[in-house]
Amino acid sequence: MKLSKEEALKKIEELLKKIEELKAYIENGEKKETSSNVKLQIKSVYGSVLFESEKTTIKEVVEEAIIKNVNLTRANLEGANLKGANLKGARLRGANLKGANLRISYLEDADLRGADLERADLENADLINVDLEDACLEGANLEYAKVEDTNLIRVNLKDAKLKNVLLIDVDLEKTNLEGADLRDANFYHVKLFGKGGQNKIKKSQVNDFLKALGIIVED
């Protein structure tokens, strides 16, 4: 069918319009794909990026970083939801974990020297062969946690919840237990360095402390 010049020009305009619409569709699709690949970051307390990932939760990002042996020293994970996380071998020295949810997490061989775990929730967590020297766990919840072969030298456990905690072969030299809830706590092979020691507890805690050591005071 023979087209007039005007009809041919109109057809070309329609075709060009469709091409432009197709290009716009493709470009929008690429933008959506790019925006969906937003990466979660783990930053240091100084603001520098330590690790980033396309995982969708901070728990998955931290676990991935640990698998890749990323050094998370001084990582800022304040308030992070790490419930049930596998943190075996994590390098978190000096990290900010204030108020973090670490319930039922697995922390074997983790380095948490000098970490800030104030008010962190470690209920039912496994802390095996963990280095917590000089860490702050003031007000932290360690109820029913298993703490074995762990370094607690100079750890601040003031007002911590230690009800039903299991402490096996731990070093409590100069540990601050003042105000800690020691009801039904279990201490086995605990190093206290009693003579001239600096462990702090209140008078009201004495009975619970002695019971944790398996000692019952009779009149």
C-alpha atoms as a PDB file:
ATOM      1  CA  MET A   1       0.000   0.000   0.000  1.00  0.00           C
ATOM      2  CA  LYS A   2       1.435   3.310  -1.075  1.00  0.00           C
ATOM      3  CA  LEU A   3       1.526   5.990   1.618  1.00  0.00           C
ATOM      4  CA  SER A   4       1.422   9.680   1.100  1.00  0.00           C
ATOM      5  CA  LYS A   5       4.296  11.779   2.385  1.00  0.00           C
ATOM      6  CA  GLU A   6       2.224  13.009   5.330  1.00  0.00           C
ATOM      7  CA  GLU A   7       1.133   9.479   6.241  1.00  0.00           C
ATOM      8  CA  ALA A   8       4.723   8.219   6.051  1.00  0.00           C
ATOM      9  CA  LEU A   9       5.945  11.026   8.334  1.00  0.00           C
ATOM     10  CA  LYS A  10       3.160  10.269  10.800  1.00  0.00           C
ATOM     11  CA  LYS A  11       4.147   6.580  10.871  1.00  0.00           C
ATOM     12  CA  ILE A  12       7.790   7.539  11.504  1.00  0.00           C
ATOM     13  CA  GLU A  13       6.746   9.828  14.381  1.00  0.00           C
ATOM     14  CA  GLU A  14       4.680   7.029  15.933  1.00  0.00           C
ATOM     15  CA  LEU A  15       7.594   4.618  15.579  1.00  0.00           C
ATOM     16  CA  LEU A  16      10.016   7.093  17.167  1.00  0.00           C
ATOM     17  CA  LYS A  17       7.580   7.625  20.032  1.00  0.00           C
ATOM     18  CA  LYS A  18       7.397   3.885  20.678  1.00  0.00           C
ATOM     19  CA  ILE A  19      11.212   3.674  20.615  1.00  0.00           C
ATOM     20  CA  GLU A  20      11.433   6.479  23.203  1.00  0.00           C
ATOM     21  CA  GLU A  21       8.851   4.735  25.404  1.00  0.00           C
ATOM     22  CA  LEU A  22      10.802   1.486  25.166  1.00  0.00           C
ATOM     23  CA  LYS A  23      14.057   3.245  26.112  1.00  0.00           C
ATOM     24  CA  ALA A  24      12.347   4.882  29.107  1.00  0.00           C
ATOM     25  CA  TYR A  25      10.972   1.508  30.196  1.00  0.00           C
ATOM     26  CA  ILE A  26      14.422  -0.089  30.044  1.00  0.00           C
ATOM     27  CA  GLU A  27      16.079   2.807  31.896  1.00  0.00           C
ATOM     28  CA  ASN A  28      13.448   2.741  34.665  1.00  0.00           C
ATOM     29  CA  GLY A  29      13.933  -0.992  35.024  1.00  0.00           C
ATOM     30  CA  GLU A  30      17.680  -0.507  35.418  1.00  0.00           C
ATOM     31  CA  LYS A  31      17.139   2.220  38.029  1.00  0.00           C
ATOM     32  CA  LYS A  32      14.801  -0.030  40.025  1.00  0.00           C
ATOM     33  CA  GLU A  33      17.313  -2.854  39.894  1.00  0.00           C
ATOM     34  CA  THR A  34      20.087  -0.546  41.064  1.00  0.00           C
ATOM     35  CA  SER A  35      17.995   0.883  43.899  1.00  0.00           C
ATOM     36  CA  SER A  36      17.074  -2.637  45.050  1.00  0.00           C
ATOM     37  CA  ASN A  37      20.759  -3.412  45.494  1.00  0.00           C
ATOM     38  CA  VAL A  38      21.240  -0.957  48.349  1.00  0.00           C
ATOM     39  CA  LYS A  39      24.053  -2.250  50.546  1.00  0.00           C
ATOM     40  CA  LEU A  40      23.956  -2.433  54.330  1.00  0.00           C
ATOM     41  CA  GLN A  41      27.119  -1.187  55.979  1.00  0.00           C
ATOM     42  CA  ILE A  42      28.988  -1.862  59.183  1.00  0.00           C
ATOM     43  CA  LYS A  43      30.728   1.324  60.226  1.00  0.00           C
ATOM     44  CA  SER A  44      33.318   1.922  62.892  1.00  0.00           C
ATOM     45  CA  VAL A  45      32.644   4.174  65.868  1.00  0.00           C
ATOM     46  CA  TYR A  46      34.590   6.790  63.903  1.00  0.00           C
ATOM     47  CA  GLY A  47      32.290   6.548  60.885  1.00  0.00           C
ATOM     48  CA  SER A  48      34.539   4.665  58.461  1.00  0.00           C
ATOM     49  CA  VAL A  49      33.047   1.707  56.547  1.00  0.00           C
ATOM     50  CA  LEU A  50      34.387  -1.634  57.757  1.00  0.00           C
ATOM     51  CA  PHE A  51      32.193  -3.864  55.603  1.00  0.00           C
ATOM     52  CA  GLU A  52      29.174  -3.677  53.309  1.00  0.00           C
ATOM     53  CA  SER A  53      26.852  -6.316  51.931  1.00  0.00           C
ATOM     54  CA  GLU A  54      23.696  -6.834  49.904  1.00  0.00           C
ATOM     55  CA  LYS A  55      22.240  -8.963  52.711  1.00  0.00           C
ATOM     56  CA  THR A  56      18.916  -7.703  54.017  1.00  0.00           C
ATOM     57  CA  THR A  57      19.519  -7.743  57.802  1.00  0.00           C
ATOM     58  CA  ILE A  58      22.368  -6.525  59.980  1.00  0.00           C
ATOM     59  CA  LYS A  59      22.592  -9.997  61.517  1.00  0.00           C
ATOM     60  CA  GLU A  60      23.279 -11.521  58.093  1.00  0.00           C
ATOM     61  CA  VAL A  61      25.786  -8.774  57.275  1.00  0.00           C
ATOM     62  CA  VAL A  62      27.747  -9.373  60.491  1.00  0.00           C
ATOM     63  CA  GLU A  63      27.721 -13.137  59.975  1.00  0.00           C
ATOM     64  CA  GLU A  64      28.964 -12.691  56.402  1.00  0.00           C
ATOM     65  CA  ALA A  65      31.745 -10.373  57.580  1.00  0.00           C
ATOM     66  CA  ILE A  66      32.856 -12.952  60.143  1.00  0.00           C
ATOM     67  CA  ILE A  67      32.834 -15.758  57.560  1.00  0.00           C
ATOM     68  CA  LYS A  68      35.062 -13.559  55.372  1.00  0.00           C
ATOM     69  CA  ASN A  69      37.350 -12.934  58.368  1.00  0.00           C
ATOM     70  CA  VAL A  70      36.726  -9.176  58.326  1.00  0.00           C
ATOM     71  CA  ASN A  71      38.241  -7.296  61.244  1.00  0.00           C
ATOM     72  CA  LEU A  72      35.333  -5.580  63.027  1.00  0.00           C
ATOM     73  CA  THR A  73      37.456  -3.858  65.669  1.00  0.00           C
ATOM     74  CA  ARG A  74      35.587  -0.824  67.046  1.00  0.00           C
ATOM     75  CA  ALA A  75      32.520  -1.604  64.933  1.00  0.00           C
ATOM     76  CA  ASN A  76      29.454   0.462  65.789  1.00  0.00           C
ATOM     77  CA  LEU A  77      26.665  -2.070  66.351  1.00  0.00           C
ATOM     78  CA  GLU A  78      24.739  -0.163  68.995  1.00  0.00           C
ATOM     79  CA  GLY A  79      21.223  -1.572  69.370  1.00  0.00           C
ATOM     80  CA  ALA A  80      21.820  -4.133  66.600  1.00  0.00           C
ATOM     81  CA  ASN A  81      19.484  -7.126  66.420  1.00  0.00           C
ATOM     82  CA  LEU A  82      21.896 -10.078  66.448  1.00  0.00           C
ATOM     83  CA  LYS A  83      19.548 -12.548  68.080  1.00  0.00           C
ATOM     84  CA  GLY A  84      20.675 -16.108  67.367  1.00  0.00           C
ATOM     85  CA  ALA A  85      23.684 -14.916  65.360  1.00  0.00           C
ATOM     86  CA  ASN A  86      26.698 -17.153  64.824  1.00  0.00           C
ATOM     87  CA  LEU A  87      29.559 -14.894  65.925  1.00  0.00           C
ATOM     88  CA  LYS A  88      32.193 -17.607  66.316  1.00  0.00           C
ATOM     89  CA  GLY A  89      35.655 -16.098  66.049  1.00  0.00           C
ATOM     90  CA  ALA A  90      34.350 -12.540  65.638  1.00  0.00           C
ATOM     91  CA  ARG A  91      36.960  -9.802  65.960  1.00  0.00           C
ATOM     92  CA  LEU A  92      34.974  -7.175  67.841  1.00  0.00           C
ATOM     93  CA  ARG A  93      37.613  -5.640  70.076  1.00  0.00           C
ATOM     94  CA  GLY A  94      36.477  -2.250  71.335  1.00  0.00           C
ATOM     95  CA  ALA A  95      33.150  -2.544  69.486  1.00  0.00           C
ATOM     96  CA  ASN A  96      30.069  -0.568  70.479  1.00  0.00           C
ATOM     97  CA  LEU A  97      27.349  -3.126  71.237  1.00  0.00           C
ATOM     98  CA  LYS A  98      25.331  -1.037  73.664  1.00  0.00           C
ATOM     99  CA  GLY A  99      21.793  -2.369  73.949  1.00  0.00           C
ATOM    100  CA  ALA A 100      22.422  -4.993  71.255  1.00  0.00           C
ATOM    101  CA  ASN A 101      20.162  -8.051  71.117  1.00  0.00           C
ATOM    102  CA  LEU A 102      22.504 -11.040  71.416  1.00  0.00           C
ATOM    103  CA  ARG A 103      20.009 -13.520  72.796  1.00  0.00           C
ATOM    104  CA  ILE A 104      20.853 -17.177  72.056  1.00  0.00           C
ATOM    105  CA  SER A 105      23.862 -16.007  70.040  1.00  0.00           C
ATOM    106  CA  TYR A 106      27.005 -18.125  69.653  1.00  0.00           C
ATOM    107  CA  LEU A 107      30.197 -16.301  70.563  1.00  0.00           C
ATOM    108  CA  GLU A 108      32.848 -19.018  70.800  1.00  0.00           C
ATOM    109  CA  ASP A 109      36.431 -17.716  70.381  1.00  0.00           C
ATOM    110  CA  ALA A 110      35.204 -14.121  69.926  1.00  0.00           C
ATOM    111  CA  ASP A 111      37.521 -11.223  70.782  1.00  0.00           C
ATOM    112  CA  LEU A 112      35.520  -8.624  72.709  1.00  0.00           C
ATOM    113  CA  ARG A 113      38.314  -7.016  74.693  1.00  0.00           C
ATOM    114  CA  GLY A 114      37.281  -3.530  75.738  1.00  0.00           C
ATOM    115  CA  ALA A 115      33.908  -3.832  73.993  1.00  0.00           C
ATOM    116  CA  ASP A 116      30.957  -1.803  75.258  1.00  0.00           C
ATOM    117  CA  LEU A 117      28.068  -4.193  75.953  1.00  0.00           C
ATOM    118  CA  GLU A 118      26.216  -1.959  78.370  1.00  0.00           C
ATOM    119  CA  ARG A 119      22.577  -3.119  78.668  1.00  0.00           C
ATOM    120  CA  ALA A 120      23.156  -5.733  75.953  1.00  0.00           C
ATOM    121  CA  ASP A 121      20.851  -8.764  76.031  1.00  0.00           C
ATOM    122  CA  LEU A 122      22.888 -11.983  76.174  1.00  0.00           C
ATOM    123  CA  GLU A 123      20.231 -14.239  77.642  1.00  0.00           C
ATOM    124  CA  ASN A 124      20.880 -17.903  76.784  1.00  0.00           C
ATOM    125  CA  ALA A 125      23.986 -16.930  74.801  1.00  0.00           C
ATOM    126  CA  ASP A 126      27.022 -19.227  74.521  1.00  0.00           C
ATOM    127  CA  LEU A 127      30.265 -17.461  75.481  1.00  0.00           C
ATOM    128  CA  ILE A 128      32.957 -20.114  75.206  1.00  0.00           C
ATOM    129  CA  ASN A 129      36.631 -19.120  75.209  1.00  0.00           C
ATOM    130  CA  VAL A 130      35.660 -15.467  74.774  1.00  0.00           C
ATOM    131  CA  ASP A 131      38.052 -12.642  75.628  1.00  0.00           C
ATOM    132  CA  LEU A 132      36.076  -9.960  77.456  1.00  0.00           C
ATOM    133  CA  GLU A 133      38.923  -8.346  79.361  1.00  0.00           C
ATOM    134  CA  ASP A 134      38.182  -4.695  80.205  1.00  0.00           C
ATOM    135  CA  ALA A 135      34.727  -4.943  78.581  1.00  0.00           C
ATOM    136  CA  CYS A 136      31.707  -3.109  79.962  1.00  0.00           C
ATOM    137  CA  LEU A 137      28.632  -5.239  80.645  1.00  0.00           C
ATOM    138  CA  GLU A 138      27.000  -2.866  83.096  1.00  0.00           C
ATOM    139  CA  GLY A 139      23.285  -3.623  83.276  1.00  0.00           C
ATOM    140  CA  ALA A 140      23.646  -6.412  80.700  1.00  0.00           C
ATOM    141  CA  ASN A 141      21.354  -9.435  80.768  1.00  0.00           C
ATOM    142  CA  LEU A 142      23.247 -12.749  81.004  1.00  0.00           C
ATOM    143  CA  GLU A 143      20.467 -14.843  82.474  1.00  0.00           C
ATOM    144  CA  TYR A 144      20.872 -18.540  81.616  1.00  0.00           C
ATOM    145  CA  ALA A 145      23.986 -17.733  79.571  1.00  0.00           C
ATOM    146  CA  LYS A 146      26.841 -20.262  79.426  1.00  0.00           C
ATOM    147  CA  VAL A 147      30.186 -18.588  80.085  1.00  0.00           C
ATOM    148  CA  GLU A 148      33.049 -21.081  79.870  1.00  0.00           C
ATOM    149  CA  ASP A 149      36.856 -20.691  79.642  1.00  0.00           C
ATOM    150  CA  THR A 150      36.279 -16.962  79.327  1.00  0.00           C
ATOM    151  CA  ASN A 151      38.442 -14.022  80.362  1.00  0.00           C
ATOM    152  CA  LEU A 152      36.450 -11.621  82.559  1.00  0.00           C
ATOM    153  CA  ILE A 153      39.408  -9.725  84.025  1.00  0.00           C
ATOM    154  CA  ARG A 154      38.432  -6.159  84.944  1.00  0.00           C
ATOM    155  CA  VAL A 155      35.003  -6.594  83.363  1.00  0.00           C
ATOM    156  CA  ASN A 156      32.325  -4.228  84.626  1.00  0.00           C
ATOM    157  CA  LEU A 157      29.288  -6.369  85.527  1.00  0.00           C
ATOM    158  CA  LYS A 158      27.727  -3.768  87.775  1.00  0.00           C
ATOM    159  CA  ASP A 159      23.933  -4.255  88.003  1.00  0.00           C
ATOM    160  CA  ALA A 160      24.134  -7.075  85.444  1.00  0.00           C
ATOM    161  CA  LYS A 161      21.498  -9.797  85.426  1.00  0.00           C
ATOM    162  CA  LEU A 162      23.360 -13.034  86.201  1.00  0.00           C
ATOM    163  CA  LYS A 163      20.431 -15.081  87.422  1.00  0.00           C
ATOM    164  CA  ASN A 164      20.994 -18.749  86.519  1.00  0.00           C
ATOM    165  CA  VAL A 165      24.183 -17.890  84.620  1.00  0.00           C
ATOM    166  CA  LEU A 166      26.702 -20.735  84.316  1.00  0.00           C
ATOM    167  CA  LEU A 167      30.315 -19.631  84.846  1.00  0.00           C
ATOM    168  CA  ILE A 168      32.878 -22.394  84.257  1.00  0.00           C
ATOM    169  CA  ASP A 169      36.659 -21.895  84.388  1.00  0.00           C
ATOM    170  CA  VAL A 170      36.405 -18.116  84.126  1.00  0.00           C
ATOM    171  CA  ASP A 171      38.807 -15.482  85.397  1.00  0.00           C
ATOM    172  CA  LEU A 172      37.079 -12.887  87.589  1.00  0.00           C
ATOM    173  CA  GLU A 173      40.157 -10.950  88.687  1.00  0.00           C
ATOM    174  CA  LYS A 174      39.163  -7.362  89.553  1.00  0.00           C
ATOM    175  CA  THR A 175      35.683  -7.947  88.110  1.00  0.00           C
ATOM    176  CA  ASN A 176      33.024  -5.539  89.337  1.00  0.00           C
ATOM    177  CA  LEU A 177      29.954  -7.525  90.447  1.00  0.00           C
ATOM    178  CA  GLU A 178      28.446  -4.712  92.509  1.00  0.00           C
ATOM    179  CA  GLY A 179      24.666  -4.794  92.335  1.00  0.00           C
ATOM    180  CA  ALA A 180      24.623  -7.815  90.001  1.00  0.00           C
ATOM    181  CA  ASP A 181      21.723 -10.264  90.358  1.00  0.00           C
ATOM    182  CA  LEU A 182      23.482 -13.492  91.398  1.00  0.00           C
ATOM    183  CA  ARG A 183      20.399 -15.499  92.320  1.00  0.00           C
ATOM    184  CA  ASP A 184      20.809 -19.145  91.340  1.00  0.00           C
ATOM    185  CA  ALA A 185      24.069 -18.349  89.544  1.00  0.00           C
ATOM    186  CA  ASN A 186      26.509 -21.249  89.197  1.00  0.00           C
ATOM    187  CA  PHE A 187      30.273 -20.691  89.593  1.00  0.00           C
ATOM    188  CA  TYR A 188      32.594 -23.621  88.824  1.00  0.00           C
ATOM    189  CA  HIS A 189      36.427 -23.392  88.950  1.00  0.00           C
ATOM    190  CA  VAL A 190      36.192 -19.606  89.038  1.00  0.00           C
ATOM    191  CA  LYS A 191      39.385 -17.619  89.655  1.00  0.00           C
ATOM    192  CA  LEU A 192      38.723 -14.871  92.187  1.00  0.00           C
ATOM    193  CA  PHE A 193      42.200 -13.927  93.527  1.00  0.00           C
ATOM    194  CA  GLY A 194      40.691 -13.506  96.988  1.00  0.00           C
ATOM    195  CA  LYS A 195      43.642 -12.275  99.046  1.00  0.00           C
ATOM    196  CA  GLY A 196      43.934  -8.567  98.417  1.00  0.00           C
ATOM    197  CA  GLY A 197      41.344  -8.949  95.648  1.00  0.00           C
ATOM    198  CA  GLN A 198      39.414  -6.082  94.168  1.00  0.00           C
ATOM    199  CA  ASN A 199      36.149  -7.791  93.178  1.00  0.00           C
ATOM    200  CA  LYS A 200      33.282  -5.584  94.274  1.00  0.00           C
ATOM    201  CA  ILE A 201      29.945  -6.763  95.676  1.00  0.00           C
ATOM    202  CA  LYS A 202      27.470  -5.280  98.129  1.00  0.00           C
ATOM    203  CA  LYS A 203      26.731  -6.737 101.564  1.00  0.00           C
ATOM    204  CA  SER A 204      23.256  -7.664 100.377  1.00  0.00           C
ATOM    205  CA  GLN A 205      24.842  -9.862  97.690  1.00  0.00           C
ATOM    206  CA  VAL A 206      27.033 -11.945  99.981  1.00  0.00           C
ATOM    207  CA  ASN A 207      24.627 -14.867 100.443  1.00  0.00           C
ATOM    208  CA  ASP A 208      23.843 -15.155  96.738  1.00  0.00           C
ATOM    209  CA  PHE A 209      27.548 -14.872  95.919  1.00  0.00           C
ATOM    210  CA  LEU A 210      28.452 -17.659  98.331  1.00  0.00           C
ATOM    211  CA  LYS A 211      25.644 -19.846  97.016  1.00  0.00           C
ATOM    212  CA  ALA A 212      26.984 -19.338  93.492  1.00  0.00           C
ATOM    213  CA  LEU A 213      30.244 -20.794  94.792  1.00  0.00           C
ATOM    214  CA  GLY A 214      28.392 -23.708  96.368  1.00  0.00           C
ATOM    215  CA  ILE A 215      28.744 -22.407  99.909  1.00  0.00           C
ATOM    216  CA  ILE A 216      25.872 -22.273 102.392  1.00  0.00           C
ATOM    217  CA  VAL A 217      26.462 -20.269 105.577  1.00  0.00           C
ATOM    218  CA  GLU A 218      24.955 -21.749 108.742  1.00  0.00           C
ATOM    219  CA  ASP A 219      24.579 -20.067 112.118  1.00  0.00           C
END
